[in-house]
Amino acid sequence: MGVFVFLPLVLPLTAWPIARLAEQHLHPRTATRLLTGVAGVMAACSTLCLGLVMVVGTAQLPGNPLPDGWSDAEVRAAVPYDEVVGKAAIPALVVVLVACGRTLWRHGRVRRRAHRALAGLRETEVAVLPDDVPYAYALPGGRRDRVVVTTAMLDCLEPTERRALFAHERAHLAARHHRFLLAVQLAARANPFLRPLRTAVAYTAERWADEDAAQAVGSRRAVACAIGKAALVSRGTPAATLAGLAAAGPVPRRVAALLGPAPTVRSWPSVFTSVGVAAWGAAVGAAVSAMSSANSAVTMVFILHAATPL
C-alpha cells in the first residue's frame, strides 16, 4: 500500500476550488449534485483507508482479538510509520463513527419531533401553525411531505410572496434536498477537509429551490422579495437540519442572484474555464481517491490472508 493509503485522507483538498466556483458559475442543481457526489465518494474512501490503517494499529495492541499474524512485521510494513499512524487511527476512526452516528441520530430526532408537533393537525400538504414566531420549512417523510409555516410568517408576506414561499418549500421536497444536505453533513463529519463542500451545498440547495420557485411563480423578483422579507423577520426554523426558506446560504447573495438573469443549465462546464478546471480537478481527485482506497483494500486483504494461519 505504501503512502497510497494516506492519499484519500488529503485528496479532499482538491475539491476546495470547485466548492467556491460552483456556487458562482454552475446551475444550482448541477452544483448540488456534483458537490454531493464528490463529497460522498471522498468521505467513503477516506473512512475506508482510515479503517485499514486502524487494523494495523489494533493488531499491535496486547490482548486484541485479531489473529497474531496480523501484527507481523510484513503486515506493519504495508503502512508507513505504523507504530504511530496505526495507533492514532484507532481514536480517529472512533471519533468519525461517533460524529456520524450523532448526526444521523439528531437528524432523525428533529424529524420525529417535527412530525409529532403536527400530529393533531389534518394531513394536508400545507400545515399552518398559529405561532407568533415567523418561520417556514419543508418537512419530508411521515405519511406525506408537508410545508410548515406559521401565521406570523404569512402575515408578513404579500399574496404573491406567499405563493413564492410555498413554491420554494415544495421545491425542497420535490428534489429531496434533505438527502443532499444530510449526505454532505456526514461527509464533513468523516473528513474535516470536506467542510467547504458542506457549506457550498447548503447554499446551492437553497439556490436550486429559489430557481424552481421562480419558474413556478413566474417572477424572479417575487421570490427575491419573499426571501428578503422572510430573512428580515425570521428567527430561523426550529429544525436546523431541515431546509428552510431563509435558513441556509447568504441571503443577500441569493437575492442578488434572483435579481439577475437565470443561470444557464449545463450538464458539465467547459474545461477551458476556471470552473471547468476546478470541476475536473475535483473529479480526478475523487477518482484517484477511489482507486487508492480500492488498491489499499485489496492489498491489505491479500496481506492479511497471507499472514493468517490456516
Protein backbone atom coordinates (compact mmCIF):
# COMPACT_ATOMS: atom_id res chain seq x y z
CA MET A 1 0.00 0.00 0.00
CA GLY A 2 2.69 2.50 0.99
CA VAL A 3 1.73 6.13 1.06
CA PHE A 4 -1.26 5.45 -1.21
CA VAL A 5 -3.28 4.51 1.85
CA PHE A 6 -2.95 8.11 3.06
CA LEU A 7 -3.94 9.80 -0.21
CA PRO A 8 -7.74 9.60 0.32
CA LEU A 9 -7.27 11.39 3.63
CA VAL A 10 -5.91 14.54 1.96
CA LEU A 11 -7.34 14.39 -1.57
CA PRO A 12 -10.49 16.29 -0.47
CA LEU A 13 -8.25 19.37 -0.69
CA THR A 14 -8.55 19.07 -4.50
CA ALA A 15 -12.28 19.84 -4.19
CA TRP A 16 -11.85 23.18 -2.45
CA PRO A 17 -11.66 25.25 -5.66
CA ILE A 18 -14.88 23.80 -7.11
CA ALA A 19 -16.67 24.28 -3.79
CA ARG A 20 -16.40 28.04 -4.27
CA LEU A 21 -16.58 28.31 -8.05
CA ALA A 22 -19.61 26.03 -8.36
CA GLU A 23 -21.68 28.47 -6.31
CA GLN A 24 -20.93 31.27 -8.77
CA HIS A 25 -20.74 29.62 -12.19
CA LEU A 26 -22.77 26.40 -12.21
CA HIS A 27 -26.52 25.92 -12.21
CA PRO A 28 -27.54 25.26 -8.58
CA ARG A 29 -28.93 21.84 -9.47
CA THR A 30 -25.70 20.79 -11.19
CA ALA A 31 -23.57 22.22 -8.40
CA THR A 32 -25.55 20.46 -5.66
CA ARG A 33 -25.35 17.08 -7.36
CA LEU A 34 -21.68 17.45 -8.29
CA LEU A 35 -20.51 18.58 -4.86
CA THR A 36 -22.58 15.99 -3.03
CA GLY A 37 -21.26 13.20 -5.24
CA VAL A 38 -17.64 14.27 -4.83
CA ALA A 39 -18.06 14.66 -1.06
CA GLY A 40 -19.70 11.25 -0.71
CA VAL A 41 -17.02 9.42 -2.68
CA MET A 42 -14.14 11.13 -0.90
CA ALA A 43 -15.65 10.63 2.55
CA ALA A 44 -16.23 6.92 1.93
CA CYS A 45 -12.70 6.44 0.61
CA SER A 46 -11.02 8.28 3.45
CA THR A 47 -13.04 6.36 6.03
CA LEU A 48 -12.14 3.05 4.38
CA CYS A 49 -8.42 3.87 4.40
CA LEU A 50 -8.63 5.05 7.98
CA GLY A 51 -10.15 1.69 8.84
CA LEU A 52 -7.36 -0.17 7.04
CA VAL A 53 -4.72 1.74 8.97
CA MET A 54 -6.66 1.12 12.18
CA VAL A 55 -6.48 -2.65 11.61
CA VAL A 56 -2.69 -2.48 11.62
CA GLY A 57 -2.70 -0.36 14.77
CA THR A 58 -5.21 -2.57 16.57
CA ALA A 59 -3.22 -5.73 15.80
CA GLN A 60 -0.28 -4.28 17.72
CA LEU A 61 -2.26 -3.81 20.94
CA PRO A 62 -1.80 -6.52 23.57
CA GLY A 63 -4.86 -8.66 24.18
CA ASN A 64 -6.63 -7.72 20.95
CA PRO A 65 -8.92 -10.37 19.43
CA LEU A 66 -7.26 -10.25 16.00
CA PRO A 67 -5.06 -13.12 14.73
CA ASP A 68 -1.46 -12.91 15.95
CA GLY A 69 -0.17 -12.99 12.38
CA TRP A 70 -1.75 -9.59 11.71
CA SER A 71 0.91 -7.98 13.89
CA ASP A 72 3.81 -9.48 11.94
CA ALA A 73 6.46 -7.20 10.51
CA GLU A 74 5.26 -7.89 6.95
CA VAL A 75 1.80 -6.54 7.79
CA ARG A 76 3.14 -3.49 9.61
CA ALA A 77 5.45 -2.73 6.68
CA ALA A 78 2.39 -2.16 4.49
CA VAL A 79 1.67 1.07 6.40
CA PRO A 80 4.42 3.72 6.70
CA TYR A 81 5.13 4.81 10.27
CA ASP A 82 2.86 2.03 11.50
CA GLU A 83 3.80 2.47 15.15
CA VAL A 84 2.42 6.00 15.32
CA VAL A 85 -0.11 6.17 12.50
CA GLY A 86 -1.65 2.77 13.15
CA LYS A 87 -2.45 3.53 16.77
CA ALA A 88 -3.51 7.13 16.06
CA ALA A 89 -6.05 5.82 13.55
CA ILE A 90 -7.93 3.99 16.30
CA PRO A 91 -9.26 7.07 18.16
CA ALA A 92 -9.59 8.92 14.85
CA LEU A 93 -11.95 6.30 13.43
CA VAL A 94 -13.89 6.18 16.70
CA VAL A 95 -14.38 9.95 16.50
CA VAL A 96 -15.60 9.67 12.90
CA LEU A 97 -18.09 6.91 13.72
CA VAL A 98 -19.39 8.72 16.80
CA ALA A 99 -19.75 12.02 14.90
CA CYS A 100 -21.61 10.38 12.01
CA GLY A 101 -23.80 8.45 14.42
CA ARG A 102 -24.71 11.62 16.31
CA THR A 103 -25.53 13.39 13.06
CA LEU A 104 -27.89 10.61 11.99
CA TRP A 105 -29.47 10.46 15.44
CA ARG A 106 -30.03 14.21 15.60
CA HIS A 107 -31.44 14.26 12.07
CA GLY A 108 -33.92 11.53 12.95
CA ARG A 109 -34.81 13.14 16.28
CA VAL A 110 -35.55 16.50 14.65
CA ARG A 111 -37.80 14.92 12.05
CA ARG A 112 -39.66 12.85 14.66
CA ARG A 113 -40.22 15.89 16.86
CA ALA A 114 -41.44 17.93 13.91
CA HIS A 115 -43.91 15.23 12.91
CA ARG A 116 -45.15 14.84 16.49
CA ALA A 117 -45.75 18.59 16.67
CA LEU A 118 -48.10 18.28 13.69
CA ALA A 119 -49.86 15.16 14.93
CA GLY A 120 -53.06 16.99 15.86
CA LEU A 121 -53.41 18.75 12.51
CA ARG A 122 -55.13 17.49 9.37
CA GLU A 123 -52.97 15.62 6.85
CA THR A 124 -52.76 18.47 4.36
CA GLU A 125 -49.88 19.50 2.13
CA VAL A 126 -49.50 22.80 4.00
CA ALA A 127 -49.60 22.95 7.78
CA VAL A 128 -50.28 26.43 9.15
CA LEU A 129 -49.29 26.83 12.80
CA PRO A 130 -50.79 29.60 14.96
CA ASP A 131 -47.47 30.94 16.17
CA ASP A 132 -46.22 34.48 16.78
CA VAL A 133 -42.72 33.45 15.65
CA PRO A 134 -42.35 33.73 11.84
CA TYR A 135 -40.72 30.71 10.19
CA ALA A 136 -41.31 28.21 7.42
CA TYR A 137 -39.67 24.94 6.45
CA ALA A 138 -40.14 21.79 4.39
CA LEU A 139 -40.80 18.61 6.36
CA PRO A 140 -40.19 15.37 4.44
CA GLY A 141 -41.28 11.90 5.46
CA GLY A 142 -44.18 10.64 7.52
CA ARG A 143 -47.40 9.86 5.70
CA ARG A 144 -46.75 12.70 3.29
CA ASP A 145 -44.33 15.55 2.72
CA ARG A 146 -45.54 18.81 4.19
CA VAL A 147 -44.79 22.51 4.13
CA VAL A 148 -44.90 24.03 7.61
CA VAL A 149 -45.47 27.76 8.01
CA THR A 150 -46.64 29.96 10.85
CA THR A 151 -49.37 32.58 10.73
CA ALA A 152 -46.80 35.21 11.72
CA MET A 153 -44.79 34.44 8.58
CA LEU A 154 -47.85 34.59 6.33
CA ASP A 155 -48.87 37.94 7.81
CA CYS A 156 -45.52 39.41 6.78
CA LEU A 157 -45.85 38.48 3.09
CA GLU A 158 -47.98 39.67 0.20
CA PRO A 159 -50.11 37.09 -1.69
CA THR A 160 -47.56 36.72 -4.50
CA GLU A 161 -44.77 36.35 -1.98
CA ARG A 162 -46.74 33.68 -0.16
CA ARG A 163 -47.01 31.71 -3.38
CA ALA A 164 -43.25 32.10 -3.80
CA LEU A 165 -42.69 30.81 -0.27
CA PHE A 166 -44.83 27.72 -0.84
CA ALA A 167 -43.20 27.09 -4.22
CA HIS A 168 -39.76 27.30 -2.62
CA GLU A 169 -40.60 24.79 0.10
CA ARG A 170 -42.29 22.44 -2.38
CA ALA A 171 -39.12 22.57 -4.46
CA HIS A 172 -37.13 21.39 -1.43
CA LEU A 173 -39.49 18.44 -1.04
CA ALA A 174 -39.70 17.55 -4.73
CA ALA A 175 -35.90 17.47 -5.19
CA ARG A 176 -35.32 15.73 -1.82
CA HIS A 177 -32.81 18.36 -0.77
CA HIS A 178 -32.69 17.00 2.77
CA ARG A 179 -30.87 13.95 1.42
CA PHE A 180 -28.17 16.07 -0.21
CA LEU A 181 -27.76 18.10 2.97
CA LEU A 182 -27.54 15.02 5.17
CA ALA A 183 -25.03 13.37 2.83
CA VAL A 184 -22.63 16.33 2.90
CA GLN A 185 -23.05 16.67 6.67
CA LEU A 186 -21.96 13.06 7.11
CA ALA A 187 -19.11 13.58 4.66
CA ALA A 188 -17.86 16.60 6.61
CA ARG A 189 -18.02 14.57 9.82
CA ALA A 190 -16.00 11.79 8.19
CA ASN A 191 -13.32 14.13 6.84
CA PRO A 192 -12.98 17.75 8.06
CA PHE A 193 -11.39 18.72 4.74
CA LEU A 194 -14.86 18.33 3.17
CA ARG A 195 -16.45 21.09 5.24
CA PRO A 196 -16.23 23.68 2.41
CA LEU A 197 -18.35 21.34 0.28
CA ARG A 198 -20.95 21.10 3.05
CA THR A 199 -21.19 24.88 3.20
CA ALA A 200 -21.40 25.13 -0.58
CA VAL A 201 -24.18 22.53 -0.85
CA ALA A 202 -26.18 24.28 1.87
CA TYR A 203 -26.11 27.37 -0.35
CA THR A 204 -26.64 25.71 -3.74
CA ALA A 205 -29.59 23.68 -2.44
CA GLU A 206 -31.29 26.91 -1.43
CA ARG A 207 -30.46 28.45 -4.79
CA TRP A 208 -31.87 25.37 -6.53
CA ALA A 209 -35.15 25.84 -4.66
CA ASP A 210 -35.07 29.58 -5.45
CA GLU A 211 -34.82 28.92 -9.19
CA ASP A 212 -37.55 26.27 -9.15
CA ALA A 213 -39.81 28.63 -7.20
CA ALA A 214 -39.13 31.43 -9.69
CA GLN A 215 -40.20 29.14 -12.54
CA ALA A 216 -43.33 28.05 -10.69
CA VAL A 217 -44.37 31.59 -9.76
CA GLY A 218 -43.23 33.18 -13.00
CA SER A 219 -41.46 36.05 -11.24
CA ARG A 220 -37.88 36.05 -10.02
CA ARG A 221 -38.45 39.39 -8.29
CA ALA A 222 -41.35 37.98 -6.24
CA VAL A 223 -39.16 35.15 -4.96
CA ALA A 224 -36.37 37.62 -4.18
CA CYS A 225 -38.77 39.82 -2.20
CA ALA A 226 -40.13 36.81 -0.32
CA ILE A 227 -36.62 35.69 0.61
CA GLY A 228 -35.62 39.17 1.74
CA LYS A 229 -38.71 39.67 3.89
CA ALA A 230 -38.51 36.19 5.38
CA ALA A 231 -34.87 36.74 6.30
CA LEU A 232 -35.66 40.05 8.00
CA VAL A 233 -38.49 38.73 10.16
CA SER A 234 -37.48 35.11 10.65
CA ARG A 235 -35.51 33.90 13.63
CA GLY A 236 -34.65 30.66 11.87
CA THR A 237 -36.54 27.41 11.65
CA PRO A 238 -36.87 25.35 14.83
CA ALA A 239 -35.29 22.40 12.98
CA ALA A 240 -31.76 23.34 11.96
CA THR A 241 -31.26 20.22 9.83
CA LEU A 242 -34.34 20.87 7.71
CA ALA A 243 -34.22 23.07 4.66
CA GLY A 244 -35.86 26.42 5.28
CA LEU A 245 -36.70 29.43 3.13
CA ALA A 246 -34.21 31.77 4.77
CA ALA A 247 -32.13 29.27 6.71
CA ALA A 248 -29.03 28.22 4.79
CA GLY A 249 -26.90 30.29 2.47
CA PRO A 250 -26.14 34.02 2.48
CA VAL A 251 -29.47 35.71 1.81
CA PRO A 252 -28.06 38.83 0.05
CA ARG A 253 -26.27 36.62 -2.49
CA ARG A 254 -29.45 34.65 -3.13
CA VAL A 255 -31.46 37.83 -3.64
CA ALA A 256 -28.82 39.29 -5.95
CA ALA A 257 -28.78 36.08 -8.00
CA LEU A 258 -32.56 36.17 -8.39
CA LEU A 259 -32.50 39.81 -9.49
CA GLY A 260 -30.02 38.85 -12.22
CA PRO A 261 -30.51 36.59 -15.25
CA ALA A 262 -31.46 32.96 -14.79
CA PRO A 263 -28.47 30.58 -14.67
CA THR A 264 -27.67 28.51 -17.73
CA VAL A 265 -28.39 24.82 -17.44
CA ARG A 266 -25.29 22.84 -18.42
CA SER A 267 -24.57 19.23 -17.61
CA TRP A 268 -20.80 19.82 -17.32
CA PRO A 269 -18.70 23.00 -17.54
CA SER A 270 -16.18 23.53 -20.32
CA VAL A 271 -12.63 22.54 -19.48
CA PHE A 272 -11.43 25.88 -20.88
CA THR A 273 -12.95 27.81 -17.97
CA SER A 274 -11.83 28.17 -14.37
CA VAL A 275 -14.87 26.32 -13.07
CA GLY A 276 -14.27 23.58 -15.65
CA VAL A 277 -10.69 23.12 -14.50
CA ALA A 278 -11.83 23.06 -10.87
CA ALA A 279 -14.59 20.56 -11.65
CA TRP A 280 -12.21 18.24 -13.49
CA GLY A 281 -9.71 18.61 -10.65
CA ALA A 282 -12.33 17.54 -8.12
CA ALA A 283 -13.45 14.67 -10.36
CA VAL A 284 -9.87 13.48 -10.80
CA GLY A 285 -9.29 13.79 -7.06
CA ALA A 286 -12.37 11.68 -6.37
CA ALA A 287 -11.28 9.09 -8.95
CA VAL A 288 -7.74 8.89 -7.54
CA SER A 289 -9.19 8.61 -4.05
CA ALA A 290 -11.41 5.72 -5.14
CA MET A 291 -8.55 3.92 -6.90
CA SER A 292 -6.15 4.44 -3.99
CA SER A 293 -8.64 3.15 -1.43
CA ALA A 294 -9.57 0.17 -3.62
CA ASN A 295 -5.91 -0.68 -4.19
CA SER A 296 -5.15 -0.36 -0.49
CA ALA A 297 -8.13 -2.51 0.47
CA VAL A 298 -7.24 -5.30 -1.98
CA THR A 299 -3.58 -5.21 -0.95
CA MET A 300 -4.46 -5.33 2.74
CA VAL A 301 -6.81 -8.28 2.18
CA PHE A 302 -4.07 -10.27 0.46
CA ILE A 303 -1.50 -9.37 3.12
CA LEU A 304 -3.80 -10.29 6.00
CA HIS A 305 -4.84 -13.51 4.26
CA ALA A 306 -1.22 -14.50 3.85
CA ALA A 307 -0.46 -13.64 7.49
CA THR A 308 -3.45 -15.54 8.87
CA PRO A 309 -2.53 -19.06 9.97
CA LEU A 310 -4.64 -21.82 8.42
